[in-house]
Amino acid sequence: MATAKKAATTTSKPATKTAKPAAAPKRAANSAFMKPMTPSAELAAIVGAKPLPRTEVTKKVWEYIKKNKLQDAANKRMINADAKLKAVLKKPQVSMFEMTKIISTHLS
């Protein structure tokens, strides 16, 4: 029994010469995001008491949310607070964008 090979279809673009833009200067990381911040006592119950950069605090809060299945099933952008998270957020439900704003007030 012979097997048929499919012919590779290639689409070729017409050859055009375009000038490449000058290489953009590489962006430096914003050191404000990487500066270790001390969480408040309420936030420390979720992420730990040692100083962490804002990016790591956000990652740890999301790990906590996913571990405890606190994302709203119908609208994934909404976070349902349990007892620990409600101490930080002060509301039973917040949007993910509002959550980051509230968490930043708990960092010093």
PDB file of N, CA and C in Angstrom:
ATOM      1  N   MET A   1       0.839  -1.167   0.000  1.00  0.00           N
ATOM      2  CA  MET A   1       0.000   0.000   0.000  1.00  0.00           C
ATOM      3  C   MET A   1       0.894   1.244   0.000  1.00  0.00           C
ATOM      4  N   ALA A   2       0.725   2.067  -0.929  1.00  0.00           N
ATOM      5  CA  ALA A   2       1.560   3.252  -1.073  1.00  0.00           C
ATOM      6  C   ALA A   2       0.964   4.402  -0.262  1.00  0.00           C
ATOM      7  N   THR A   3       1.831   5.165   0.366  1.00  0.00           N
ATOM      8  CA  THR A   3       1.346   6.322   1.115  1.00  0.00           C
ATOM      9  C   THR A   3       1.611   7.568   0.293  1.00  0.00           C
ATOM     10  N   ALA A   4       0.634   8.410   0.266  1.00  0.00           N
ATOM     11  CA  ALA A   4       0.768   9.651  -0.503  1.00  0.00           C
ATOM     12  C   ALA A   4       1.319  10.739   0.392  1.00  0.00           C
ATOM     13  N   LYS A   5       2.291  11.434  -0.121  1.00  0.00           N
ATOM     14  CA  LYS A   5       2.867  12.543   0.634  1.00  0.00           C
ATOM     15  C   LYS A   5       2.154  13.820   0.230  1.00  0.00           C
ATOM     16  N   LYS A   6       1.891  14.637   1.241  1.00  0.00           N
ATOM     17  CA  LYS A   6       1.260  15.923   0.950  1.00  0.00           C
ATOM     18  C   LYS A   6       2.334  16.881   0.456  1.00  0.00           C
ATOM     19  N   ALA A   7       1.990  17.618  -0.535  1.00  0.00           N
ATOM     20  CA  ALA A   7       2.916  18.623  -1.055  1.00  0.00           C
ATOM     21  C   ALA A   7       2.906  19.808  -0.108  1.00  0.00           C
ATOM     22  N   ALA A   8       4.068  20.258   0.239  1.00  0.00           N
ATOM     23  CA  ALA A   8       4.180  21.398   1.148  1.00  0.00           C
ATOM     24  C   ALA A   8       3.746  22.639   0.399  1.00  0.00           C
ATOM     25  N   THR A   9       2.806  23.335   0.979  1.00  0.00           N
ATOM     26  CA  THR A   9       2.353  24.569   0.349  1.00  0.00           C
ATOM     27  C   THR A   9       3.141  25.717   0.923  1.00  0.00           C
ATOM     28  N   THR A  10       3.705  26.453   0.053  1.00  0.00           N
ATOM     29  CA  THR A  10       4.469  27.613   0.494  1.00  0.00           C
ATOM     30  C   THR A  10       3.897  28.833  -0.176  1.00  0.00           C
ATOM     31  N   THR A  11       3.755  29.860   0.593  1.00  0.00           N
ATOM     32  CA  THR A  11       3.313  31.125   0.028  1.00  0.00           C
ATOM     33  C   THR A  11       4.498  32.049   0.072  1.00  0.00           C
ATOM     34  N   SER A  12       4.818  32.547  -1.070  1.00  0.00           N
ATOM     35  CA  SER A  12       5.975  33.428  -1.108  1.00  0.00           C
ATOM     36  C   SER A  12       5.493  34.864  -1.255  1.00  0.00           C
ATOM     37  N   LYS A  13       6.132  35.718  -0.529  1.00  0.00           N
ATOM     38  CA  LYS A  13       5.816  37.130  -0.598  1.00  0.00           C
ATOM     39  C   LYS A  13       6.687  37.750  -1.686  1.00  0.00           C
ATOM     40  N   PRO A  14       6.141  38.748  -2.343  1.00  0.00           N
ATOM     41  CA  PRO A  14       6.981  39.404  -3.337  1.00  0.00           C
ATOM     42  C   PRO A  14       8.174  40.067  -2.667  1.00  0.00           C
ATOM     43  N   ALA A  15       9.279  39.991  -3.310  1.00  0.00           N
ATOM     44  CA  ALA A  15      10.500  40.558  -2.739  1.00  0.00           C
ATOM     45  C   ALA A  15      10.409  42.077  -2.761  1.00  0.00           C
ATOM     46  N   THR A  16      10.413  42.668  -1.582  1.00  0.00           N
ATOM     47  CA  THR A  16      10.404  44.123  -1.477  1.00  0.00           C
ATOM     48  C   THR A  16      11.498  44.527  -0.535  1.00  0.00           C
ATOM     49  N   LYS A  17      12.089  45.640  -0.829  1.00  0.00           N
ATOM     50  CA  LYS A  17      13.129  46.151   0.046  1.00  0.00           C
ATOM     51  C   LYS A  17      12.498  47.173   0.976  1.00  0.00           C
ATOM     52  N   THR A  18      12.651  46.945   2.271  1.00  0.00           N
ATOM     53  CA  THR A  18      12.150  47.903   3.250  1.00  0.00           C
ATOM     54  C   THR A  18      13.307  48.283   4.154  1.00  0.00           C
ATOM     55  N   ALA A  19      13.332  49.523   4.493  1.00  0.00           N
ATOM     56  CA  ALA A  19      14.388  49.996   5.384  1.00  0.00           C
ATOM     57  C   ALA A  19      14.041  49.591   6.805  1.00  0.00           C
ATOM     58  N   LYS A  20      15.004  49.020   7.478  1.00  0.00           N
ATOM     59  CA  LYS A  20      14.778  48.633   8.869  1.00  0.00           C
ATOM     60  C   LYS A  20      14.879  49.860   9.755  1.00  0.00           C
ATOM     61  N   PRO A  21      13.973  49.993  10.714  1.00  0.00           N
ATOM     62  CA  PRO A  21      14.068  51.139  11.613  1.00  0.00           C
ATOM     63  C   PRO A  21      15.308  50.999  12.500  1.00  0.00           C
ATOM     64  N   ALA A  22      15.795  52.114  12.940  1.00  0.00           N
ATOM     65  CA  ALA A  22      16.970  52.097  13.812  1.00  0.00           C
ATOM     66  C   ALA A  22      16.628  51.345  15.090  1.00  0.00           C
ATOM     67  N   ALA A  23      17.569  50.610  15.614  1.00  0.00           N
ATOM     68  CA  ALA A  23      17.337  49.822  16.824  1.00  0.00           C
ATOM     69  C   ALA A  23      16.982  50.758  17.978  1.00  0.00           C
ATOM     70  N   ALA A  24      15.863  50.461  18.616  1.00  0.00           N
ATOM     71  CA  ALA A  24      15.414  51.282  19.740  1.00  0.00           C
ATOM     72  C   ALA A  24      16.307  50.998  20.943  1.00  0.00           C
ATOM     73  N   PRO A  25      16.577  52.005  21.757  1.00  0.00           N
ATOM     74  CA  PRO A  25      17.395  51.747  22.948  1.00  0.00           C
ATOM     75  C   PRO A  25      16.645  50.823  23.898  1.00  0.00           C
ATOM     76  N   LYS A  26      17.372  49.908  24.498  1.00  0.00           N
ATOM     77  CA  LYS A  26      16.759  48.940  25.402  1.00  0.00           C
ATOM     78  C   LYS A  26      16.249  49.641  26.661  1.00  0.00           C
ATOM     79  N   ARG A  27      14.999  49.318  27.042  1.00  0.00           N
ATOM     80  CA  ARG A  27      14.397  49.935  28.218  1.00  0.00           C
ATOM     81  C   ARG A  27      14.998  49.357  29.477  1.00  0.00           C
ATOM     82  N   ALA A  28      15.312  50.216  30.389  1.00  0.00           N
ATOM     83  CA  ALA A  28      15.835  49.774  31.675  1.00  0.00           C
ATOM     84  C   ALA A  28      14.661  49.433  32.592  1.00  0.00           C
ATOM     85  N   ALA A  29      14.834  48.454  33.443  1.00  0.00           N
ATOM     86  CA  ALA A  29      13.780  48.062  34.377  1.00  0.00           C
ATOM     87  C   ALA A  29      13.554  49.185  35.381  1.00  0.00           C
ATOM     88  N   ASN A  30      12.298  49.400  35.723  1.00  0.00           N
ATOM     89  CA  ASN A  30      11.963  50.431  36.692  1.00  0.00           C
ATOM     90  C   ASN A  30      12.296  49.893  38.082  1.00  0.00           C
ATOM     91  N   SER A  31      13.245  50.508  38.725  1.00  0.00           N
ATOM     92  CA  SER A  31      13.700  49.993  40.019  1.00  0.00           C
ATOM     93  C   SER A  31      12.651  50.173  41.115  1.00  0.00           C
ATOM     94  N   ALA A  32      11.649  51.014  40.904  1.00  0.00           N
ATOM     95  CA  ALA A  32      10.596  51.189  41.907  1.00  0.00           C
ATOM     96  C   ALA A  32       9.794  49.902  42.076  1.00  0.00           C
ATOM     97  N   PHE A  33       9.623  49.127  41.009  1.00  0.00           N
ATOM     98  CA  PHE A  33       8.896  47.866  41.103  1.00  0.00           C
ATOM     99  C   PHE A  33       9.722  46.793  41.799  1.00  0.00           C
ATOM    100  N   MET A  34      11.037  46.918  41.732  1.00  0.00           N
ATOM    101  CA  MET A  34      11.896  45.887  42.289  1.00  0.00           C
ATOM    102  C   MET A  34      12.349  46.189  43.715  1.00  0.00           C
ATOM    103  N   LYS A  35      11.992  47.346  44.234  1.00  0.00           N
ATOM    104  CA  LYS A  35      12.387  47.720  45.593  1.00  0.00           C
ATOM    105  C   LYS A  35      11.584  46.877  46.591  1.00  0.00           C
ATOM    106  N   PRO A  36      12.250  46.194  47.523  1.00  0.00           N
ATOM    107  CA  PRO A  36      11.517  45.405  48.514  1.00  0.00           C
ATOM    108  C   PRO A  36      10.636  46.291  49.392  1.00  0.00           C
ATOM    109  N   MET A  37       9.373  45.905  49.521  1.00  0.00           N
ATOM    110  CA  MET A  37       8.401  46.642  50.319  1.00  0.00           C
ATOM    111  C   MET A  37       7.932  45.735  51.461  1.00  0.00           C
ATOM    112  N   THR A  38       7.675  46.333  52.616  1.00  0.00           N
ATOM    113  CA  THR A  38       7.207  45.574  53.768  1.00  0.00           C
ATOM    114  C   THR A  38       5.681  45.530  53.764  1.00  0.00           C
ATOM    115  N   PRO A  39       5.083  44.331  53.776  1.00  0.00           N
ATOM    116  CA  PRO A  39       3.621  44.245  53.777  1.00  0.00           C
ATOM    117  C   PRO A  39       3.040  44.555  55.157  1.00  0.00           C
ATOM    118  N   SER A  40       1.795  45.018  55.166  1.00  0.00           N
ATOM    119  CA  SER A  40       1.092  45.264  56.433  1.00  0.00           C
ATOM    120  C   SER A  40       0.821  43.923  57.110  1.00  0.00           C
ATOM    121  N   ALA A  41       0.356  43.962  58.338  1.00  0.00           N
ATOM    122  CA  ALA A  41       0.079  42.729  59.085  1.00  0.00           C
ATOM    123  C   ALA A  41      -1.001  41.892  58.392  1.00  0.00           C
ATOM    124  N   GLU A  42      -2.035  42.548  57.849  1.00  0.00           N
ATOM    125  CA  GLU A  42      -3.119  41.825  57.157  1.00  0.00           C
ATOM    126  C   GLU A  42      -2.594  41.138  55.898  1.00  0.00           C
ATOM    127  N   LEU A  43      -1.782  41.863  55.131  1.00  0.00           N
ATOM    128  CA  LEU A  43      -1.230  41.306  53.898  1.00  0.00           C
ATOM    129  C   LEU A  43      -0.169  40.252  54.202  1.00  0.00           C
ATOM    130  N   ALA A  44       0.551  40.409  55.298  1.00  0.00           N
ATOM    131  CA  ALA A  44       1.587  39.445  55.679  1.00  0.00           C
ATOM    132  C   ALA A  44       0.987  38.068  55.962  1.00  0.00           C
ATOM    133  N   ALA A  45      -0.283  38.015  56.360  1.00  0.00           N
ATOM    134  CA  ALA A  45      -0.948  36.732  56.592  1.00  0.00           C
ATOM    135  C   ALA A  45      -1.081  35.937  55.295  1.00  0.00           C
ATOM    136  N   ILE A  46      -1.033  36.617  54.158  1.00  0.00           N
ATOM    137  CA  ILE A  46      -1.172  35.959  52.854  1.00  0.00           C
ATOM    138  C   ILE A  46       0.183  35.744  52.181  1.00  0.00           C
ATOM    139  N   VAL A  47       1.037  36.779  52.175  1.00  0.00           N
ATOM    140  CA  VAL A  47       2.286  36.701  51.407  1.00  0.00           C
ATOM    141  C   VAL A  47       3.523  36.475  52.252  1.00  0.00           C
ATOM    142  N   GLY A  48       3.412  36.566  53.561  1.00  0.00           N
ATOM    143  CA  GLY A  48       4.578  36.426  54.422  1.00  0.00           C
ATOM    144  C   GLY A  48       5.045  37.793  54.897  1.00  0.00           C
ATOM    145  N   ALA A  49       5.827  37.809  55.971  1.00  0.00           N
ATOM    146  CA  ALA A  49       6.207  39.067  56.610  1.00  0.00           C
ATOM    147  C   ALA A  49       7.478  39.692  56.052  1.00  0.00           C
ATOM    148  N   LYS A  50       8.280  38.941  55.309  1.00  0.00           N
ATOM    149  CA  LYS A  50       9.543  39.519  54.833  1.00  0.00           C
ATOM    150  C   LYS A  50       9.292  40.495  53.685  1.00  0.00           C
ATOM    151  N   PRO A  51      10.148  41.511  53.533  1.00  0.00           N
ATOM    152  CA  PRO A  51       9.997  42.489  52.449  1.00  0.00           C
ATOM    153  C   PRO A  51      10.129  41.830  51.073  1.00  0.00           C
ATOM    154  N   LEU A  52       9.214  42.184  50.177  1.00  0.00           N
ATOM    155  CA  LEU A  52       9.190  41.648  48.816  1.00  0.00           C
ATOM    156  C   LEU A  52       8.967  42.776  47.826  1.00  0.00           C
ATOM    157  N   PRO A  53       9.462  42.618  46.585  1.00  0.00           N
ATOM    158  CA  PRO A  53       9.120  43.598  45.548  1.00  0.00           C
ATOM    159  C   PRO A  53       7.625  43.521  45.221  1.00  0.00           C
ATOM    160  N   ARG A  54       7.068  44.601  44.689  1.00  0.00           N
ATOM    161  CA  ARG A  54       5.637  44.648  44.353  1.00  0.00           C
ATOM    162  C   ARG A  54       5.243  43.507  43.417  1.00  0.00           C
ATOM    163  N   THR A  55       6.111  43.188  42.474  1.00  0.00           N
ATOM    164  CA  THR A  55       5.792  42.128  41.523  1.00  0.00           C
ATOM    165  C   THR A  55       5.624  40.789  42.224  1.00  0.00           C
ATOM    166  N   GLU A  56       6.486  40.502  43.199  1.00  0.00           N
ATOM    167  CA  GLU A  56       6.400  39.244  43.938  1.00  0.00           C
ATOM    168  C   GLU A  56       5.165  39.207  44.838  1.00  0.00           C
ATOM    169  N   VAL A  57       4.804  40.344  45.416  1.00  0.00           N
ATOM    170  CA  VAL A  57       3.600  40.413  46.256  1.00  0.00           C
ATOM    171  C   VAL A  57       2.390  40.066  45.406  1.00  0.00           C
ATOM    172  N   THR A  58       2.301  40.636  44.212  1.00  0.00           N
ATOM    173  CA  THR A  58       1.178  40.359  43.322  1.00  0.00           C
ATOM    174  C   THR A  58       1.142  38.881  42.946  1.00  0.00           C
ATOM    175  N   LYS A  59       2.298  38.293  42.645  1.00  0.00           N
ATOM    176  CA  LYS A  59       2.355  36.871  42.302  1.00  0.00           C
ATOM    177  C   LYS A  59       1.860  36.008  43.456  1.00  0.00           C
ATOM    178  N   LYS A  60       2.290  36.331  44.673  1.00  0.00           N
ATOM    179  CA  LYS A  60       1.898  35.532  45.835  1.00  0.00           C
ATOM    180  C   LYS A  60       0.410  35.672  46.134  1.00  0.00           C
ATOM    181  N   VAL A  61      -0.147  36.854  45.931  1.00  0.00           N
ATOM    182  CA  VAL A  61      -1.586  37.044  46.140  1.00  0.00           C
ATOM    183  C   VAL A  61      -2.361  36.215  45.117  1.00  0.00           C
ATOM    184  N   TRP A  62      -1.912  36.206  43.858  1.00  0.00           N
ATOM    185  CA  TRP A  62      -2.584  35.407  42.838  1.00  0.00           C
ATOM    186  C   TRP A  62      -2.447  33.912  43.132  1.00  0.00           C
ATOM    187  N   GLU A  63      -1.297  33.483  43.645  1.00  0.00           N
ATOM    188  CA  GLU A  63      -1.151  32.072  44.036  1.00  0.00           C
ATOM    189  C   GLU A  63      -2.179  31.719  45.107  1.00  0.00           C
ATOM    190  N   TYR A  64      -2.351  32.606  46.077  1.00  0.00           N
ATOM    191  CA  TYR A  64      -3.321  32.396  47.159  1.00  0.00           C
ATOM    192  C   TYR A  64      -4.743  32.334  46.597  1.00  0.00           C
ATOM    193  N   ILE A  65      -5.063  33.231  45.678  1.00  0.00           N
ATOM    194  CA  ILE A  65      -6.405  33.274  45.080  1.00  0.00           C
ATOM    195  C   ILE A  65      -6.679  31.985  44.318  1.00  0.00           C
ATOM    196  N   LYS A  66      -5.735  31.535  43.522  1.00  0.00           N
ATOM    197  CA  LYS A  66      -5.941  30.320  42.731  1.00  0.00           C
ATOM    198  C   LYS A  66      -5.959  29.071  43.604  1.00  0.00           C
ATOM    199  N   LYS A  67      -5.102  29.027  44.625  1.00  0.00           N
ATOM    200  CA  LYS A  67      -5.049  27.878  45.529  1.00  0.00           C
ATOM    201  C   LYS A  67      -6.377  27.700  46.266  1.00  0.00           C
ATOM    202  N   ASN A  68      -6.982  28.826  46.681  1.00  0.00           N
ATOM    203  CA  ASN A  68      -8.234  28.782  47.424  1.00  0.00           C
ATOM    204  C   ASN A  68      -9.469  28.968  46.551  1.00  0.00           C
ATOM    205  N   LYS A  69      -9.288  28.984  45.225  1.00  0.00           N
ATOM    206  CA  LYS A  69     -10.374  29.097  44.246  1.00  0.00           C
ATOM    207  C   LYS A  69     -11.285  30.283  44.556  1.00  0.00           C
ATOM    208  N   LEU A  70     -10.681  31.463  44.640  1.00  0.00           N
ATOM    209  CA  LEU A  70     -11.423  32.668  44.996  1.00  0.00           C
ATOM    210  C   LEU A  70     -11.852  33.491  43.783  1.00  0.00           C
ATOM    211  N   GLN A  71     -11.476  33.086  42.575  1.00  0.00           N
ATOM    212  CA  GLN A  71     -11.937  33.795  41.389  1.00  0.00           C
ATOM    213  C   GLN A  71     -13.399  33.441  41.166  1.00  0.00           C
ATOM    214  N   ASP A  72     -14.202  34.439  40.800  1.00  0.00           N
ATOM    215  CA  ASP A  72     -15.620  34.222  40.537  1.00  0.00           C
ATOM    216  C   ASP A  72     -15.759  33.323  39.312  1.00  0.00           C
ATOM    217  N   ALA A  73     -16.628  32.325  39.386  1.00  0.00           N
ATOM    218  CA  ALA A  73     -16.774  31.377  38.287  1.00  0.00           C
ATOM    219  C   ALA A  73     -17.397  32.025  37.055  1.00  0.00           C
ATOM    220  N   ALA A  74     -18.347  32.916  37.261  1.00  0.00           N
ATOM    221  CA  ALA A  74     -19.038  33.541  36.134  1.00  0.00           C
ATOM    222  C   ALA A  74     -18.210  34.650  35.491  1.00  0.00           C
ATOM    223  N   ASN A  75     -17.523  35.436  36.304  1.00  0.00           N
ATOM    224  CA  ASN A  75     -16.725  36.553  35.802  1.00  0.00           C
ATOM    225  C   ASN A  75     -15.330  36.446  36.406  1.00  0.00           C
ATOM    226  N   LYS A  76     -14.391  35.937  35.633  1.00  0.00           N
ATOM    227  CA  LYS A  76     -13.037  35.661  36.131  1.00  0.00           C
ATOM    228  C   LYS A  76     -12.281  36.914  36.560  1.00  0.00           C
ATOM    229  N   ARG A  77     -12.776  38.102  36.183  1.00  0.00           N
ATOM    230  CA  ARG A  77     -12.109  39.341  36.583  1.00  0.00           C
ATOM    231  C   ARG A  77     -12.434  39.735  38.014  1.00  0.00           C
ATOM    232  N   MET A  78     -13.411  39.079  38.607  1.00  0.00           N
ATOM    233  CA  MET A  78     -13.813  39.401  39.972  1.00  0.00           C
ATOM    234  C   MET A  78     -13.207  38.392  40.951  1.00  0.00           C
ATOM    235  N   ILE A  79     -12.794  38.910  42.109  1.00  0.00           N
ATOM    236  CA  ILE A  79     -12.187  38.091  43.157  1.00  0.00           C
ATOM    237  C   ILE A  79     -13.134  38.092  44.349  1.00  0.00           C
ATOM    238  N   ASN A  80     -13.504  36.908  44.813  1.00  0.00           N
ATOM    239  CA  ASN A  80     -14.333  36.758  46.002  1.00  0.00           C
ATOM    240  C   ASN A  80     -13.407  36.605  47.199  1.00  0.00           C
ATOM    241  N   ALA A  81     -13.552  37.468  48.176  1.00  0.00           N
ATOM    242  CA  ALA A  81     -12.635  37.470  49.313  1.00  0.00           C
ATOM    243  C   ALA A  81     -13.058  36.468  50.371  1.00  0.00           C
ATOM    244  N   ASP A  82     -12.082  35.704  50.897  1.00  0.00           N
ATOM    245  CA  ASP A  82     -12.320  34.879  52.077  1.00  0.00           C
ATOM    246  C   ASP A  82     -11.942  35.726  53.294  1.00  0.00           C
ATOM    247  N   ALA A  83     -11.872  35.137  54.474  1.00  0.00           N
ATOM    248  CA  ALA A  83     -11.617  35.906  55.701  1.00  0.00           C
ATOM    249  C   ALA A  83     -10.276  36.643  55.660  1.00  0.00           C
ATOM    250  N   LYS A  84      -9.208  35.963  55.235  1.00  0.00           N
ATOM    251  CA  LYS A  84      -7.884  36.595  55.193  1.00  0.00           C
ATOM    252  C   LYS A  84      -7.839  37.720  54.163  1.00  0.00           C
ATOM    253  N   LEU A  85      -8.394  37.455  52.994  1.00  0.00           N
ATOM    254  CA  LEU A  85      -8.345  38.444  51.922  1.00  0.00           C
ATOM    255  C   LEU A  85      -9.282  39.615  52.202  1.00  0.00           C
ATOM    256  N   LYS A  86     -10.384  39.350  52.894  1.00  0.00           N
ATOM    257  CA  LYS A  86     -11.315  40.425  53.226  1.00  0.00           C
ATOM    258  C   LYS A  86     -10.685  41.418  54.205  1.00  0.00           C
ATOM    259  N   ALA A  87      -9.768  40.958  55.050  1.00  0.00           N
ATOM    260  CA  ALA A  87      -9.055  41.849  55.966  1.00  0.00           C
ATOM    261  C   ALA A  87      -8.191  42.839  55.186  1.00  0.00           C
ATOM    262  N   VAL A  88      -7.706  42.430  54.023  1.00  0.00           N
ATOM    263  CA  VAL A  88      -6.882  43.299  53.191  1.00  0.00           C
ATOM    264  C   VAL A  88      -7.758  44.177  52.293  1.00  0.00           C
ATOM    265  N   LEU A  89      -8.734  43.562  51.635  1.00  0.00           N
ATOM    266  CA  LEU A  89      -9.525  44.262  50.621  1.00  0.00           C
ATOM    267  C   LEU A  89     -10.675  45.094  51.187  1.00  0.00           C
ATOM    268  N   LYS A  90     -11.165  44.759  52.360  1.00  0.00           N
ATOM    269  CA  LYS A  90     -12.261  45.463  53.030  1.00  0.00           C
ATOM    270  C   LYS A  90     -13.597  45.362  52.294  1.00  0.00           C
ATOM    271  N   LYS A  91     -13.705  44.462  51.307  1.00  0.00           N
ATOM    272  CA  LYS A  91     -14.933  44.240  50.545  1.00  0.00           C
ATOM    273  C   LYS A  91     -15.089  42.741  50.309  1.00  0.00           C
ATOM    274  N   PRO A  92     -16.307  42.276  50.133  1.00  0.00           N
ATOM    275  CA  PRO A  92     -16.481  40.842  49.846  1.00  0.00           C
ATOM    276  C   PRO A  92     -16.084  40.451  48.421  1.00  0.00           C
ATOM    277  N   GLN A  93     -16.123  41.419  47.478  1.00  0.00           N
ATOM    278  CA  GLN A  93     -15.758  41.122  46.098  1.00  0.00           C
ATOM    279  C   GLN A  93     -15.157  42.377  45.457  1.00  0.00           C
ATOM    280  N   VAL A  94     -14.042  42.197  44.741  1.00  0.00           N
ATOM    281  CA  VAL A  94     -13.392  43.303  44.034  1.00  0.00           C
ATOM    282  C   VAL A  94     -12.947  42.816  42.656  1.00  0.00           C
ATOM    283  N   SER A  95     -12.701  43.759  41.742  1.00  0.00           N
ATOM    284  CA  SER A  95     -12.156  43.390  40.439  1.00  0.00           C
ATOM    285  C   SER A  95     -10.645  43.205  40.589  1.00  0.00           C
ATOM    286  N   MET A  96     -10.055  42.488  39.659  1.00  0.00           N
ATOM    287  CA  MET A  96      -8.615  42.230  39.748  1.00  0.00           C
ATOM    288  C   MET A  96      -7.806  43.520  39.641  1.00  0.00           C
ATOM    289  N   PHE A  97      -8.331  44.515  38.942  1.00  0.00           N
ATOM    290  CA  PHE A  97      -7.618  45.782  38.792  1.00  0.00           C
ATOM    291  C   PHE A  97      -7.705  46.606  40.074  1.00  0.00           C
ATOM    292  N   GLU A  98      -8.868  46.580  40.696  1.00  0.00           N
ATOM    293  CA  GLU A  98      -9.053  47.284  41.957  1.00  0.00           C
ATOM    294  C   GLU A  98      -8.221  46.621  43.055  1.00  0.00           C
ATOM    295  N   MET A  99      -8.079  45.304  42.963  1.00  0.00           N
ATOM    296  CA  MET A  99      -7.318  44.562  43.970  1.00  0.00           C
ATOM    297  C   MET A  99      -5.870  45.027  44.023  1.00  0.00           C
ATOM    298  N   THR A 100      -5.226  45.217  42.883  1.00  0.00           N
ATOM    299  CA  THR A 100      -3.825  45.651  42.877  1.00  0.00           C
ATOM    300  C   THR A 100      -3.683  47.051  43.469  1.00  0.00           C
ATOM    301  N   LYS A 101      -4.663  47.897  43.223  1.00  0.00           N
ATOM    302  CA  LYS A 101      -4.636  49.251  43.794  1.00  0.00           C
ATOM    303  C   LYS A 101      -4.743  49.193  45.312  1.00  0.00           C
ATOM    304  N   ILE A 102      -5.641  48.354  45.814  1.00  0.00           N
ATOM    305  CA  ILE A 102      -5.834  48.228  47.268  1.00  0.00           C
ATOM    306  C   ILE A 102      -4.592  47.620  47.910  1.00  0.00           C
ATOM    307  N   ILE A 103      -4.007  46.624  47.280  1.00  0.00           N
ATOM    308  CA  ILE A 103      -2.831  45.956  47.838  1.00  0.00           C
ATOM    309  C   ILE A 103      -1.666  46.936  47.948  1.00  0.00           C
ATOM    310  N   SER A 104      -1.544  47.854  46.999  1.00  0.00           N
ATOM    311  CA  SER A 104      -0.425  48.808  47.054  1.00  0.00           C
ATOM    312  C   SER A 104      -0.509  49.703  48.284  1.00  0.00           C
ATOM    313  N   THR A 105      -1.714  49.905  48.828  1.00  0.00           N
ATOM    314  CA  THR A 105      -1.840  50.714  50.041  1.00  0.00           C
ATOM    315  C   THR A 105      -1.348  49.956  51.270  1.00  0.00           C
ATOM    316  N   HIS A 106      -1.207  48.632  51.151  1.00  0.00           N
ATOM    317  CA  HIS A 106      -0.739  47.803  52.274  1.00  0.00           C
ATOM    318  C   HIS A 106       0.768  47.575  52.252  1.00  0.00           C
ATOM    319  N   LEU A 107       1.462  48.245  51.337  1.00  0.00           N
ATOM    320  CA  LEU A 107       2.913  48.104  51.230  1.00  0.00           C
ATOM    321  C   LEU A 107       3.589  49.403  51.672  1.00  0.00           C
ATOM    322  N   SER A 108       4.645  49.255  52.463  1.00  0.00           N
ATOM    323  CA  SER A 108       5.386  50.460  52.861  1.00  0.00           C
ATOM    324  C   SER A 108       6.877  50.196  52.797  1.00  0.00           C
TER     325      SER A 108
END
